[in-house]
């Protein structure tokens, strides 16, 4: 019988992989925020009616592209909760929201100020809108080996250098849980008559407790959130909010239709509606429960392990105005380990799954779907590691931004060829080259690859890192015919 089951599932490799993962009884410190545990209430209805509710846009269930019934009503409840004028359910992830938000603020050749470490969906927004980027480097935190946040004064300086900038994009928070001084950035944007956009994918829980940072929704003209990351909706679901009159709503909706499927999932939308109800009724207590778990983990890591979990002491440095406690960043390089080493050991030896790792750190997402037992399990394992004598090699940092030959949209449209990376100096990159560490794009599409870029990436590869955009055979795509 056992052999038959194996043969049966070998025909469905993805299903088999999911079953194997579930059998591990793992501790989940990665997204989605529900952690594989079905929330109570309406989510039980979703689970029990999964196939029954998997329907299309029939009469009575509204039209996702032009809602006038229950979808519209659900979105209006969402707007009221988050203080928006208009909110949209997203079934193609926050990526679709970021692209559409950018389109609502920008036209072809308009310029937007963007942190160099922004999510890759921002590049898609540049390509699709035809807008151009004025990049700004976040402050670097050398002790943790990461880029942190952008200082408001640096934004002011960029606006002075580029008076034609029409919009500013901030990320609130970044992966490390670090938030910018968004109130000050909003003041700067208002003084300059500039639209403020926020990628708040990692912060849909912001504003529901005084123990977490304030939401970008208090300040931004448009903001995008991913409740599947830190709340309870299903993966690929997200929200987009707008308020005020600086966003071209019709253009935003036009782009939203372009980047969204014509067969929207009612299961995803139901999970968004259910999450909105859950957070509206219990948001404060649920989020404070999660904060309590995260703070216990942070305290014990700092007092009972060889590692370091940054907390309130880091505020006011590196452009960091506030920190989300639910993004548990654990620095392991202080004990002689790389983040990759610890992440792999946790996963392979203890079935503990982190969200992410870089050269110096491992990242854990804690939500109200986690339990005290989850935290105890993580702490028990981390406490067994002993300090190593070897030192983790310092991170590599970007010195100067590359020269721009083409806008991203033009680079995307032009033909390309594959060339050996070692011979690519002077070429125009077709794709972003993103070395890890530090995880910031070294070269973006349309930018010129220089000898120092090749040397830096080779050094990173030789030290155990990797680079998105460079194949395992060390080839890259470069633009031709321009």
Protein backbone atom coordinates (compact mmCIF):
# COMPACT_ATOMS: atom_id res chain seq x y z
CA UNK A 1 0.00 0.00 0.00
CA UNK A 2 2.81 2.39 0.88
CA UNK A 3 4.49 1.75 -2.46
CA UNK A 4 1.24 2.47 -4.30
CA UNK A 5 0.88 5.79 -2.49
CA UNK A 6 4.41 6.79 -3.47
CA UNK A 7 3.80 5.86 -7.10
CA UNK A 8 0.52 7.70 -7.07
CA UNK A 9 2.00 10.95 -5.80
CA UNK A 10 5.11 10.74 -7.95
CA UNK A 11 2.76 11.76 -10.78
CA UNK A 12 2.01 14.99 -8.90
CA UNK A 13 5.42 16.25 -7.77
CA UNK A 14 4.21 19.59 -6.43
CA UNK A 15 1.50 17.97 -4.35
CA UNK A 16 4.03 15.46 -3.06
CA UNK A 17 6.42 18.26 -2.09
CA UNK A 18 3.66 20.09 -0.22
CA UNK A 19 2.66 16.92 1.62
CA UNK A 20 6.27 16.28 2.60
CA UNK A 21 6.62 19.83 3.90
CA UNK A 22 3.45 19.55 5.95
CA UNK A 23 4.56 16.21 7.44
CA UNK A 24 7.68 17.82 8.90
CA UNK A 25 5.59 19.57 11.57
CA UNK A 26 7.82 22.57 11.04
CA UNK A 27 7.99 25.85 12.90
CA UNK A 28 7.03 28.57 10.44
CA UNK A 29 8.64 31.96 10.79
CA UNK A 30 8.03 32.86 7.17
CA UNK A 31 5.07 34.29 5.33
CA UNK A 32 2.13 33.81 4.93
CA UNK A 33 1.09 35.29 8.23
CA UNK A 34 -1.49 32.62 9.01
CA UNK A 35 1.41 30.14 9.43
CA UNK A 36 -0.65 27.31 8.00
CA UNK A 37 -3.19 27.60 10.82
CA UNK A 38 -6.73 28.40 9.81
CA UNK A 39 -8.04 31.38 11.79
CA UNK A 40 -11.39 31.02 13.51
CA UNK A 41 -14.64 32.53 12.32
CA UNK A 42 -15.29 33.11 8.63
CA UNK A 43 -12.01 31.43 7.67
CA UNK A 44 -13.49 28.11 8.75
CA UNK A 45 -16.24 28.76 6.19
CA UNK A 46 -13.63 29.45 3.51
CA UNK A 47 -11.76 26.25 4.33
CA UNK A 48 -14.92 24.13 4.33
CA UNK A 49 -16.26 25.67 1.10
CA UNK A 50 -13.02 25.93 -0.87
CA UNK A 51 -14.38 24.32 -4.04
CA UNK A 52 -17.92 25.54 -3.55
CA UNK A 53 -16.77 29.16 -3.38
CA UNK A 54 -14.34 28.86 -6.29
CA UNK A 55 -16.66 30.62 -8.72
CA UNK A 56 -16.55 33.18 -11.49
CA UNK A 57 -18.20 36.59 -11.82
CA UNK A 58 -21.81 35.45 -12.10
CA UNK A 59 -24.81 37.72 -11.37
CA UNK A 60 -25.03 38.43 -7.66
CA UNK A 61 -21.30 38.07 -7.04
CA UNK A 62 -20.29 41.38 -8.65
CA UNK A 63 -17.69 42.33 -11.27
CA UNK A 64 -14.12 42.64 -9.98
CA UNK A 65 -13.15 45.11 -12.72
CA UNK A 66 -16.16 47.36 -12.11
CA UNK A 67 -17.64 46.46 -8.72
CA UNK A 68 -21.09 47.67 -7.79
CA UNK A 69 -22.23 45.00 -5.34
CA UNK A 70 -20.60 42.91 -2.58
CA UNK A 71 -17.03 43.49 -3.79
CA UNK A 72 -17.61 47.24 -3.75
CA UNK A 73 -19.17 47.03 -0.29
CA UNK A 74 -16.25 44.96 1.01
CA UNK A 75 -13.75 47.45 -0.41
CA UNK A 76 -15.63 50.37 1.15
CA UNK A 77 -15.39 48.68 4.56
CA UNK A 78 -11.67 48.30 3.95
CA UNK A 79 -11.32 52.00 3.08
CA UNK A 80 -13.12 52.99 6.26
CA UNK A 81 -10.79 50.81 8.34
CA UNK A 82 -7.56 52.17 6.85
CA UNK A 83 -8.62 55.80 6.40
CA UNK A 84 -8.51 55.74 2.60
CA UNK A 85 -10.83 57.41 0.11
CA UNK A 86 -10.75 54.34 -2.13
CA UNK A 87 -9.35 50.84 -1.59
CA UNK A 88 -8.89 47.94 -3.96
CA UNK A 89 -8.68 44.20 -3.42
CA UNK A 90 -5.67 42.81 -5.28
CA UNK A 91 -5.46 39.21 -6.50
CA UNK A 92 -2.11 39.54 -8.28
CA UNK A 93 -0.17 40.49 -5.18
CA UNK A 94 1.26 43.79 -4.00
CA UNK A 95 3.26 43.85 -7.23
CA UNK A 96 0.12 44.74 -9.20
CA UNK A 97 -0.68 47.43 -6.66
CA UNK A 98 2.76 49.01 -6.77
CA UNK A 99 2.76 49.14 -10.58
CA UNK A 100 -0.74 50.64 -10.66
CA UNK A 101 0.03 53.10 -7.86
CA UNK A 102 3.06 54.33 -9.79
CA UNK A 103 0.94 54.67 -12.93
CA UNK A 104 -1.60 56.76 -11.04
CA UNK A 105 1.13 59.19 -10.05
CA UNK A 106 3.37 59.20 -13.13
CA UNK A 107 3.25 59.54 -16.89
CA UNK A 108 5.88 58.68 -19.50
CA UNK A 109 9.25 60.36 -18.75
CA UNK A 110 8.11 61.65 -15.35
CA UNK A 111 10.72 61.21 -12.65
CA UNK A 112 10.30 59.41 -9.32
CA UNK A 113 12.67 59.30 -6.35
CA UNK A 114 13.29 55.68 -5.39
CA UNK A 115 15.45 54.02 -2.72
CA UNK A 116 17.98 51.83 -4.53
CA UNK A 117 16.90 48.87 -2.37
CA UNK A 118 13.23 49.02 -3.43
CA UNK A 119 11.30 45.87 -4.33
CA UNK A 120 11.77 44.59 -7.88
CA UNK A 121 8.13 45.40 -8.69
CA UNK A 122 9.18 49.06 -8.74
CA UNK A 123 11.40 48.29 -11.73
CA UNK A 124 8.35 46.74 -13.42
CA UNK A 125 6.50 49.97 -12.69
CA UNK A 126 9.25 51.99 -14.36
CA UNK A 127 9.19 49.75 -17.43
CA UNK A 128 5.41 49.79 -17.83
CA UNK A 129 4.87 53.50 -17.13
CA UNK A 130 7.94 54.74 -18.99
CA UNK A 131 8.90 56.84 -15.97
CA UNK A 132 12.52 57.44 -15.01
CA UNK A 133 14.16 56.94 -11.64
CA UNK A 134 16.26 59.21 -9.48
CA UNK A 135 17.84 56.70 -7.12
CA UNK A 136 18.82 57.37 -3.54
CA UNK A 137 20.98 55.11 -1.39
CA UNK A 138 19.72 54.21 2.09
CA UNK A 139 22.11 54.59 5.00
CA UNK A 140 24.32 51.59 5.51
CA UNK A 141 24.60 49.85 8.86
CA UNK A 142 28.03 48.27 8.81
CA UNK A 143 27.68 46.54 12.18
CA UNK A 144 24.74 44.51 10.84
CA UNK A 145 25.86 44.33 7.22
CA UNK A 146 22.68 45.83 5.73
CA UNK A 147 21.31 48.94 4.13
CA UNK A 148 18.77 50.50 6.50
CA UNK A 149 16.62 53.52 5.64
CA UNK A 150 16.79 56.83 3.79
CA UNK A 151 17.42 60.01 5.78
CA UNK A 152 14.89 62.80 5.15
CA UNK A 153 17.74 65.27 4.60
CA UNK A 154 19.06 63.04 1.81
CA UNK A 155 15.62 63.16 0.19
CA UNK A 156 15.61 66.95 0.42
CA UNK A 157 19.03 67.11 -1.23
CA UNK A 158 17.89 64.83 -4.06
CA UNK A 159 14.83 67.00 -4.66
CA UNK A 160 17.05 70.07 -4.88
CA UNK A 161 19.31 68.28 -7.38
CA UNK A 162 16.27 67.03 -9.34
CA UNK A 163 13.52 69.69 -9.15
CA UNK A 164 11.53 67.80 -11.81
CA UNK A 165 10.84 64.84 -9.48
CA UNK A 166 7.07 64.26 -9.39
CA UNK A 167 6.82 61.48 -6.80
CA UNK A 168 8.68 59.96 -3.86
CA UNK A 169 8.51 56.27 -3.01
CA UNK A 170 9.28 55.00 0.49
CA UNK A 171 9.36 51.44 1.82
CA UNK A 172 7.68 51.18 5.22
CA UNK A 173 9.14 48.91 6.56
CA UNK A 174 12.07 47.30 4.79
CA UNK A 175 12.78 43.58 5.34
CA UNK A 176 14.66 44.31 8.56
CA UNK A 177 11.57 46.00 10.02
CA UNK A 178 13.19 49.44 9.81
CA UNK A 179 10.86 52.36 9.06
CA UNK A 180 11.78 55.83 7.75
CA UNK A 181 10.66 59.08 9.34
CA UNK A 182 7.63 59.04 7.11
CA UNK A 183 6.02 62.01 8.84
CA UNK A 184 9.02 64.18 7.94
CA UNK A 185 9.16 62.75 4.41
CA UNK A 186 5.48 63.66 4.01
CA UNK A 187 6.25 67.23 5.11
CA UNK A 188 9.03 67.43 2.53
CA UNK A 189 6.73 66.06 -0.18
CA UNK A 190 4.05 68.59 0.71
CA UNK A 191 6.53 71.49 0.72
CA UNK A 192 7.70 70.49 -2.75
CA UNK A 193 4.30 69.62 -4.19
CA UNK A 194 5.45 66.04 -4.69
CA UNK A 195 3.27 62.93 -4.54
CA UNK A 196 4.15 60.45 -1.77
CA UNK A 197 3.79 56.72 -2.47
CA UNK A 198 4.44 53.96 0.05
CA UNK A 199 5.29 50.31 -0.36
CA UNK A 200 3.85 49.07 2.93
CA UNK A 201 3.65 45.44 1.86
CA UNK A 202 5.37 44.35 5.08
CA UNK A 203 3.22 46.58 7.32
CA UNK A 204 -0.52 45.88 6.96
CA UNK A 205 -0.70 45.63 10.76
CA UNK A 206 0.72 49.11 11.33
CA UNK A 207 -1.48 51.54 13.21
CA UNK A 208 -3.56 48.94 15.05
CA UNK A 209 -1.47 49.17 18.21
CA UNK A 210 0.81 51.80 19.71
CA UNK A 211 3.42 49.05 20.01
CA UNK A 212 3.96 48.94 16.23
CA UNK A 213 4.86 51.82 13.88
CA UNK A 214 2.26 54.15 12.45
CA UNK A 215 0.89 53.35 9.03
CA UNK A 216 1.94 55.17 5.89
CA UNK A 217 -1.77 55.73 5.38
CA UNK A 218 -1.60 58.74 7.72
CA UNK A 219 0.72 60.50 5.29
CA UNK A 220 0.85 58.97 1.80
CA UNK A 221 -1.26 59.73 -1.26
CA UNK A 222 -1.27 56.00 -2.08
CA UNK A 223 0.00 52.92 -0.29
CA UNK A 224 0.08 49.18 -0.91
CA UNK A 225 -0.13 46.44 1.74
CA UNK A 226 0.19 42.65 1.73
CA UNK A 227 -2.07 41.22 4.45
CA UNK A 228 -0.93 37.74 3.46
CA UNK A 229 2.53 38.60 4.79
CA UNK A 230 1.71 39.67 8.34
CA UNK A 231 -2.04 39.05 8.76
CA UNK A 232 -4.24 36.15 7.63
CA UNK A 233 -5.22 36.46 3.98
CA UNK A 234 -4.02 33.92 1.43
CA UNK A 235 -0.80 34.24 -0.53
CA UNK A 236 -1.06 36.51 -3.59
CA UNK A 237 -3.75 38.70 -2.04
CA UNK A 238 -3.09 42.36 -1.25
CA UNK A 239 -4.65 45.81 -0.81
CA UNK A 240 -4.15 49.17 -2.51
CA UNK A 241 -5.35 52.42 -0.93
CA UNK A 242 -5.52 55.99 -2.23
CA UNK A 243 -6.65 59.29 -0.75
CA UNK A 244 -6.64 62.92 -1.75
CA UNK A 245 -6.52 64.27 -5.29
CA UNK A 246 -2.90 63.73 -6.34
CA UNK A 247 -3.50 60.25 -7.79
CA UNK A 248 -5.07 59.87 -11.24
CA UNK A 249 -7.67 57.31 -10.24
CA UNK A 250 -8.77 56.44 -13.78
CA UNK A 251 -5.20 55.84 -14.96
CA UNK A 252 -4.51 53.78 -11.85
CA UNK A 253 -7.55 51.60 -12.54
CA UNK A 254 -6.60 51.24 -16.21
CA UNK A 255 -3.22 49.86 -15.20
CA UNK A 256 -4.79 47.70 -12.51
CA UNK A 257 -6.85 46.02 -15.23
CA UNK A 258 -3.74 45.52 -17.37
CA UNK A 259 -1.72 43.80 -14.63
CA UNK A 260 -4.57 41.78 -13.12
CA UNK A 261 -6.04 38.50 -14.28
CA UNK A 262 -9.47 38.57 -15.92
CA UNK A 263 -10.37 35.54 -13.78
CA UNK A 264 -10.07 36.88 -10.22
CA UNK A 265 -10.11 34.34 -7.41
CA UNK A 266 -13.11 34.66 -5.11
CA UNK A 267 -11.22 32.55 -2.58
CA UNK A 268 -8.48 35.20 -2.42
CA UNK A 269 -11.05 37.99 -2.21
CA UNK A 270 -12.94 36.15 0.53
CA UNK A 271 -9.71 35.83 2.51
CA UNK A 272 -9.18 39.59 2.16
CA UNK A 273 -12.72 40.31 3.34
CA UNK A 274 -12.29 37.91 6.26
CA UNK A 275 -8.96 39.44 7.23
CA UNK A 276 -10.43 42.93 7.19
CA UNK A 277 -13.21 41.80 9.55
CA UNK A 278 -10.76 40.01 11.84
CA UNK A 279 -8.38 42.95 12.14
CA UNK A 280 -11.25 45.42 12.54
CA UNK A 281 -12.73 43.49 15.45
CA UNK A 282 -9.59 42.15 17.13
CA UNK A 283 -6.64 43.99 15.61
CA UNK A 284 -5.30 45.61 18.76
CA UNK A 285 -5.38 42.51 20.96
CA UNK A 286 -4.10 40.16 18.26
CA UNK A 287 -1.20 42.39 17.27
CA UNK A 288 -0.20 43.07 20.85
CA UNK A 289 -0.13 39.31 21.41
CA UNK A 290 2.28 39.01 18.49
CA UNK A 291 4.40 41.88 19.85
CA UNK A 292 4.63 40.12 23.21
CA UNK A 293 5.88 36.95 21.52
CA UNK A 294 8.39 38.88 19.42
CA UNK A 295 9.72 40.85 22.37
CA UNK A 296 10.16 37.66 24.39
CA UNK A 297 12.14 36.18 21.52
CA UNK A 298 14.24 39.33 21.16
CA UNK A 299 15.00 39.48 24.91
CA UNK A 300 15.97 35.82 25.18
CA UNK A 301 18.13 35.93 22.06
CA UNK A 302 20.05 38.89 23.48
CA UNK A 303 20.41 37.39 26.94
CA UNK A 304 20.58 33.63 26.41
CA UNK A 305 22.28 33.11 23.03
CA UNK A 306 25.47 34.22 21.30
CA UNK A 307 23.45 36.17 18.74
CA UNK A 308 22.05 39.71 18.67
CA UNK A 309 18.51 40.86 17.85
CA UNK A 310 18.38 44.64 17.29
CA UNK A 311 15.69 46.55 19.16
CA UNK A 312 14.85 50.08 20.25
CA UNK A 313 18.53 50.95 20.73
CA UNK A 314 18.95 51.22 16.96
CA UNK A 315 16.34 53.97 16.54
CA UNK A 316 17.68 57.33 15.45
CA UNK A 317 20.56 55.72 13.55
CA UNK A 318 20.97 54.88 9.86
CA UNK A 319 17.76 56.68 8.90
CA UNK A 320 15.68 54.42 11.17
CA UNK A 321 12.82 56.30 12.83
CA UNK A 322 10.90 53.28 14.14
CA UNK A 323 11.12 49.51 14.05
CA UNK A 324 8.48 46.85 13.60
CA UNK A 325 8.98 44.38 16.48
CA UNK A 326 7.31 41.60 14.46
CA UNK A 327 10.21 41.57 12.00
CA UNK A 328 12.73 39.69 14.13
CA UNK A 329 16.19 40.31 12.72
CA UNK A 330 18.89 38.13 14.27
CA UNK A 331 22.50 39.09 13.65
CA UNK A 332 24.66 35.95 13.64
CA UNK A 333 27.89 37.34 12.23
CA UNK A 334 28.67 38.69 15.70
CA UNK A 335 29.21 35.05 16.71
CA UNK A 336 31.22 34.11 13.63
CA UNK A 337 28.41 32.57 11.57
CA UNK A 338 26.89 33.59 8.26
CA UNK A 339 23.15 33.98 7.97
CA UNK A 340 23.18 31.30 5.28
CA UNK A 341 24.82 28.82 7.69
CA UNK A 342 22.25 29.34 10.44
CA UNK A 343 19.24 29.38 8.10
CA UNK A 344 20.35 26.09 6.55
CA UNK A 345 21.02 24.45 9.92
CA UNK A 346 17.63 25.51 11.29
CA UNK A 347 15.83 24.27 8.20
CA UNK A 348 17.64 20.99 7.58
CA UNK A 349 18.32 19.87 11.15
CA UNK A 350 15.35 21.25 13.10
CA UNK A 351 12.56 21.98 10.55
CA UNK A 352 12.57 25.62 11.60
CA UNK A 353 11.88 27.82 8.58
CA UNK A 354 13.07 31.42 8.60
CA UNK A 355 11.79 34.02 6.17
CA UNK A 356 15.14 35.00 4.74
CA UNK A 357 18.88 35.11 5.34
CA UNK A 358 21.75 37.26 4.16
CA UNK A 359 25.46 37.18 4.87
CA UNK A 360 25.19 38.47 8.44
CA UNK A 361 21.59 37.90 9.54
CA UNK A 362 18.58 35.59 9.65
CA UNK A 363 15.05 37.02 9.54
CA UNK A 364 11.97 35.64 11.27
CA UNK A 365 8.42 36.95 10.83
CA UNK A 366 6.27 36.67 13.94
CA UNK A 367 2.50 37.13 13.74
CA UNK A 368 -0.45 36.48 16.02
CA UNK A 369 -0.78 33.09 14.34
CA UNK A 370 2.47 32.02 15.98
CA UNK A 371 2.36 30.53 19.47
CA UNK A 372 4.50 30.66 22.58
CA UNK A 373 5.53 27.08 21.79
CA UNK A 374 6.86 28.27 18.42
CA UNK A 375 9.01 30.87 20.16
CA UNK A 376 10.27 28.42 22.76
CA UNK A 377 11.19 25.96 20.01
CA UNK A 378 13.21 28.58 18.15
CA UNK A 379 14.96 29.80 21.31
CA UNK A 380 15.84 26.27 22.40
CA UNK A 381 17.69 25.66 19.14
CA UNK A 382 19.40 29.06 18.95
CA UNK A 383 20.71 28.66 22.50
CA UNK A 384 22.76 25.60 21.48
CA UNK A 385 25.07 27.49 19.10
CA UNK A 386 28.51 28.37 20.43
CA UNK A 387 30.58 31.34 19.25
CA UNK A 388 33.13 30.71 16.50
CA UNK A 389 36.59 32.23 16.37
CA UNK A 390 36.45 33.03 12.66
CA UNK A 391 35.21 36.42 11.51
CA UNK A 392 32.57 36.88 8.83
CA UNK A 393 34.03 38.95 6.02
CA UNK A 394 32.66 42.51 6.00
CA UNK A 395 29.91 43.34 3.56
CA UNK A 396 30.55 44.88 0.16
CA UNK A 397 29.04 48.30 -0.33
CA UNK A 398 28.01 50.19 -3.43
CA UNK A 399 30.19 53.27 -3.86
CA UNK A 400 28.71 55.24 -6.75
CA UNK A 401 25.62 54.65 -8.85
CA UNK A 402 26.36 53.52 -12.44
CA UNK A 403 26.01 55.75 -15.47
CA UNK A 404 22.64 55.54 -17.25
CA UNK A 405 22.62 54.81 -20.99
CA UNK A 406 18.93 53.96 -21.42
CA UNK A 407 15.71 54.25 -19.46
CA UNK A 408 14.49 50.87 -18.11
CA UNK A 409 11.56 50.79 -20.56
CA UNK A 410 13.84 51.17 -23.59
CA UNK A 411 16.36 48.65 -22.24
CA UNK A 412 13.51 46.19 -21.73
CA UNK A 413 12.29 46.57 -25.32
CA UNK A 414 15.63 46.30 -27.09
CA UNK A 415 17.13 42.94 -28.15
CA UNK A 416 19.79 41.35 -25.98
CA UNK A 417 22.55 38.80 -26.12
CA UNK A 418 24.31 36.62 -23.59
CA UNK A 419 27.96 37.44 -22.94
CA UNK A 420 30.58 36.23 -20.43
CA UNK A 421 30.30 38.41 -17.37
CA UNK A 422 34.07 38.92 -17.24
CA UNK A 423 33.94 40.54 -20.70
CA UNK A 424 30.91 42.77 -20.10
CA UNK A 425 32.62 46.04 -19.11
CA UNK A 426 31.21 48.90 -21.17
CA UNK A 427 28.01 46.99 -22.02
CA UNK A 428 24.50 48.06 -21.06
CA UNK A 429 22.80 45.63 -18.73
CA UNK A 430 19.50 44.11 -19.83
CA UNK A 431 18.61 42.81 -16.38
CA UNK A 432 19.29 43.98 -12.84
CA UNK A 433 22.51 42.68 -11.29
CA UNK A 434 21.80 42.23 -7.59
CA UNK A 435 24.66 40.82 -5.51
CA UNK A 436 23.93 39.21 -2.13
CA UNK A 437 25.34 40.63 0.07
CA UNK A 438 24.35 43.42 0.35
CA UNK A 439 21.09 42.79 -1.58
CA UNK A 440 20.89 46.14 -3.37
CA UNK A 441 20.98 46.38 -7.18
CA UNK A 442 24.53 47.15 -8.29
CA UNK A 443 23.49 47.67 -11.92
CA UNK A 444 19.95 48.23 -13.19
CA UNK A 445 18.61 47.67 -16.73
CA UNK A 446 19.87 50.43 -18.98
CA UNK A 447 22.92 51.14 -16.81
CA UNK A 448 26.52 50.70 -17.96
CA UNK A 449 28.53 47.84 -16.48
CA UNK A 450 31.99 48.96 -15.42
CA UNK A 451 35.16 47.06 -14.55
CA UNK A 452 34.74 47.76 -10.84
CA UNK A 453 31.25 46.17 -10.92
CA UNK A 454 32.73 42.98 -12.37
CA UNK A 455 35.48 42.93 -9.76
CA UNK A 456 33.06 43.51 -6.90
CA UNK A 457 30.60 40.82 -8.01
CA UNK A 458 33.40 38.30 -8.60
CA UNK A 459 34.71 38.97 -5.11
CA UNK A 460 31.24 38.41 -3.67
CA UNK A 461 30.80 35.17 -5.65
CA UNK A 462 34.22 33.93 -4.57
CA UNK A 463 33.38 34.60 -0.91
CA UNK A 464 30.23 32.47 -1.01
CA UNK A 465 27.61 35.01 -2.04
CA UNK A 466 25.57 35.05 -5.23
CA UNK A 467 24.25 37.54 -7.74
CA UNK A 468 20.85 37.68 -9.39
CA UNK A 469 21.32 38.31 -13.09
CA UNK A 470 24.57 36.34 -13.36
CA UNK A 471 24.07 32.71 -14.38
CA UNK A 472 25.89 29.81 -12.75
CA UNK A 473 28.08 29.73 -15.88
CA UNK A 474 28.85 33.43 -15.27
CA UNK A 475 27.00 34.85 -18.27
CA UNK A 476 24.75 37.91 -18.30
CA UNK A 477 22.26 39.54 -20.67
CA UNK A 478 23.33 42.84 -22.27
CA UNK A 479 21.44 45.17 -24.60
CA UNK A 480 22.29 45.23 -28.31
CA UNK A 481 21.35 47.54 -31.22
CA UNK A 482 21.10 50.95 -29.61
